C-alpha atoms as a PDB file:
ATOM      1  CA  MET A   1      79.540 150.368 147.472  1.00  0.00           C
ATOM      2  CA  ILE A   2      82.382 152.035 149.763  1.00  0.00           C
ATOM      3  CA  GLU A   3      85.336 154.468 148.314  1.00  0.00           C
ATOM      4  CA  VAL A   4      88.092 156.658 149.743  1.00  0.00           C
ATOM      5  CA  ILE A   5      87.620 159.605 148.471  1.00  0.00           C
ATOM      6  CA  ASN A   6      90.019 162.774 149.781  1.00  0.00           C
ATOM      7  CA  ASN A   7      91.264 160.388 151.965  1.00  0.00           C
ATOM      8  CA  LYS A   8      87.873 159.907 153.876  1.00  0.00           C
ATOM      9  CA  ILE A   9      85.956 155.927 153.843  1.00  0.00           C
ATOM     10  CA  ILE A  10      82.411 157.024 152.384  1.00  0.00           C
ATOM     11  CA  SER A  11      80.367 154.966 151.780  1.00  0.00           C
ATOM     12  CA  ILE A  12      77.381 154.996 148.949  1.00  0.00           C
ATOM     13  CA  ASP A  13      74.204 153.689 149.357  1.00  0.00           C
ATOM     14  CA  GLU A  14      71.763 152.283 146.083  1.00  0.00           C
ATOM     15  CA  ASN A  15      70.673 155.651 145.566  1.00  0.00           C
ATOM     16  CA  ALA A  16      73.763 157.544 145.562  1.00  0.00           C
ATOM     17  CA  ASN A  17      73.327 158.872 149.151  1.00  0.00           C
ATOM     18  CA  MET A  18      77.422 159.375 150.674  1.00  0.00           C
ATOM     19  CA  THR A  19      77.744 158.917 154.612  1.00  0.00           C
ATOM     20  CA  VAL A  20      81.339 159.283 155.792  1.00  0.00           C
ATOM     21  CA  ILE A  21      82.333 156.574 157.737  1.00  0.00           C
ATOM     22  CA  GLU A  22      83.526 158.128 161.280  1.00  0.00           C
ATOM     23  CA  ASP A  23      86.041 155.290 162.343  1.00  0.00           C
ATOM     24  CA  LYS A  24      89.373 156.993 163.335  1.00  0.00           C
ATOM     25  CA  ASP A  25      90.815 153.299 163.504  1.00  0.00           C
ATOM     26  CA  LEU A  26      89.617 152.494 160.071  1.00  0.00           C
ATOM     27  CA  GLN A  27      90.947 155.478 158.315  1.00  0.00           C
ATOM     28  CA  THR A  28      94.373 155.022 159.997  1.00  0.00           C
ATOM     29  CA  LEU A  29      94.090 151.486 158.809  1.00  0.00           C
ATOM     30  CA  VAL A  30      93.446 153.082 154.672  1.00  0.00           C
ATOM     31  CA  ASN A  31      96.218 155.188 155.406  1.00  0.00           C
ATOM     32  CA  ASN A  32      98.766 152.302 156.338  1.00  0.00           C
ATOM     33  CA  MET A  33      97.962 150.167 153.706  1.00  0.00           C
ATOM     34  CA  LYS A  34      98.566 153.421 151.244  1.00  0.00           C
ATOM     35  CA  GLU A  35     102.294 152.887 152.511  1.00  0.00           C
ATOM     36  CA  ILE A  36     102.277 149.565 151.677  1.00  0.00           C
ATOM     37  CA  ILE A  37     100.515 149.037 148.499  1.00  0.00           C
ATOM     38  CA  GLY A  38     100.146 152.616 147.073  1.00  0.00           C
ATOM     39  CA  ASP A  39      96.426 152.994 145.741  1.00  0.00           C
ATOM     40  CA  THR A  40      93.751 151.109 147.749  1.00  0.00           C
ATOM     41  CA  VAL A  41      90.895 150.552 145.696  1.00  0.00           C
ATOM     42  CA  LEU A  42      87.689 149.185 147.589  1.00  0.00           C
ATOM     43  CA  ASP A  43      85.692 146.177 146.021  1.00  0.00           C
ATOM     44  CA  ASP A  44      83.284 144.124 147.369  1.00  0.00           C
ATOM     45  CA  LYS A  45      83.445 141.291 145.204  1.00  0.00           C
ATOM     46  CA  SER A  46      87.158 140.600 145.716  1.00  0.00           C
ATOM     47  CA  ILE A  47      86.212 138.783 149.670  1.00  0.00           C
ATOM     48  CA  THR A  48      88.197 135.887 148.943  1.00  0.00           C
ATOM     49  CA  THR A  49      91.331 135.713 150.784  1.00  0.00           C
ATOM     50  CA  GLU A  50      94.097 134.015 152.554  1.00  0.00           C
ATOM     51  CA  PRO A  51      94.224 133.717 156.299  1.00  0.00           C
ATOM     52  CA  ILE A  52      98.203 135.018 156.314  1.00  0.00           C
ATOM     53  CA  TYR A  53      96.981 138.259 154.688  1.00  0.00           C
ATOM     54  CA  ASP A  54      93.508 138.280 157.102  1.00  0.00           C
ATOM     55  CA  TYR A  55      96.137 138.544 159.842  1.00  0.00           C
ATOM     56  CA  ILE A  56      98.350 141.145 158.778  1.00  0.00           C
ATOM     57  CA  ILE A  57      95.264 143.288 158.160  1.00  0.00           C
ATOM     58  CA  GLU A  58      94.366 142.677 161.527  1.00  0.00           C
ATOM     59  CA  LYS A  59      97.669 143.397 163.122  1.00  0.00           C
ATOM     60  CA  ILE A  60      97.561 146.414 161.208  1.00  0.00           C
ATOM     61  CA  TYR A  61      94.476 147.672 162.273  1.00  0.00           C
ATOM     62  CA  ILE A  62      95.130 146.515 165.778  1.00  0.00           C
ATOM     63  CA  MET A  63      98.695 148.073 165.888  1.00  0.00           C
ATOM     64  CA  PRO A  64      98.993 150.795 163.688  1.00  0.00           C
ATOM     65  CA  ASP A  65     102.733 151.292 164.420  1.00  0.00           C
ATOM     66  CA  TYR A  66     103.473 147.812 162.274  1.00  0.00           C
ATOM     67  CA  VAL A  67     103.622 149.202 159.192  1.00  0.00           C
ATOM     68  CA  LYS A  68     106.730 151.174 160.449  1.00  0.00           C
ATOM     69  CA  TRP A  69     108.538 148.098 161.609  1.00  0.00           C
ATOM     70  CA  ASN A  70     108.156 146.670 157.986  1.00  0.00           C
ATOM     71  CA  THR A  71     110.768 147.223 155.934  1.00  0.00           C
ATOM     72  CA  VAL A  72     109.957 144.308 153.579  1.00  0.00           C
ATOM     73  CA  SER A  73     108.586 145.780 150.741  1.00  0.00           C
ATOM     74  CA  PHE A  74     106.199 143.674 148.692  1.00  0.00           C
ATOM     75  CA  LYS A  75     106.089 142.370 145.211  1.00  0.00           C
ATOM     76  CA  ASP A  76     102.903 142.730 143.156  1.00  0.00           C
ATOM     77  CA  LYS A  77     100.778 139.520 143.874  1.00  0.00           C
ATOM     78  CA  PRO A  78     100.837 139.731 147.649  1.00  0.00           C
ATOM     79  CA  LYS A  79      99.651 143.593 147.232  1.00  0.00           C
ATOM     80  CA  GLN A  80      96.568 142.150 145.479  1.00  0.00           C
ATOM     81  CA  LYS A  81      96.299 139.594 148.053  1.00  0.00           C
ATOM     82  CA  LEU A  82      96.786 142.486 150.917  1.00  0.00           C
ATOM     83  CA  LEU A  83      93.661 144.638 149.360  1.00  0.00           C
ATOM     84  CA  ARG A  84      92.083 142.155 148.744  1.00  0.00           C
ATOM     85  CA  ALA A  85      91.935 141.522 152.517  1.00  0.00           C
ATOM     86  CA  LEU A  86      91.694 144.688 153.313  1.00  0.00           C
ATOM     87  CA  ASN A  87      88.622 145.030 151.405  1.00  0.00           C
ATOM     88  CA  LYS A  88      87.325 142.032 153.132  1.00  0.00           C
ATOM     89  CA  PHE A  89      87.957 143.276 156.399  1.00  0.00           C
ATOM     90  CA  ILE A  90      86.022 146.978 155.956  1.00  0.00           C
ATOM     91  CA  TYR A  91      83.508 145.563 154.629  1.00  0.00           C
ATOM     92  CA  ASP A  92      82.909 142.879 157.651  1.00  0.00           C
ATOM     93  CA  LYS A  93      83.825 145.638 159.946  1.00  0.00           C
ATOM     94  CA  ILE A  94      80.758 148.030 158.195  1.00  0.00           C
ATOM     95  CA  SER A  95      78.299 145.421 157.837  1.00  0.00           C
ATOM     96  CA  ARG A  96      78.827 144.349 161.657  1.00  0.00           C
ATOM     97  CA  ARG A  97      78.423 148.027 162.522  1.00  0.00           C
ATOM     98  CA  THR A  98      75.405 148.321 160.550  1.00  0.00           C
ATOM     99  CA  LYS A  99      73.093 145.089 161.941  1.00  0.00           C
END
């Protein structure tokens, strides 16, 4: 399980051991997404996404200033889709790092 606790990304294993994920880029992504969608809830069960939302998340990860260019606020449904894409991106990124 992955959680955001005190603005840090934390990995929690099956024995409840916590490990801080020391990835400045992922932390920046999570902080930027808070500006767009508000609270970010990480959930590995919501991994089904649409390609356009995956693309937006990847752009924000690669270019953190992308969020500052966005002057359009997202409605609730697109925010939910962005949150799912964020979850997928973080879990994919972390699982590739551990393998």
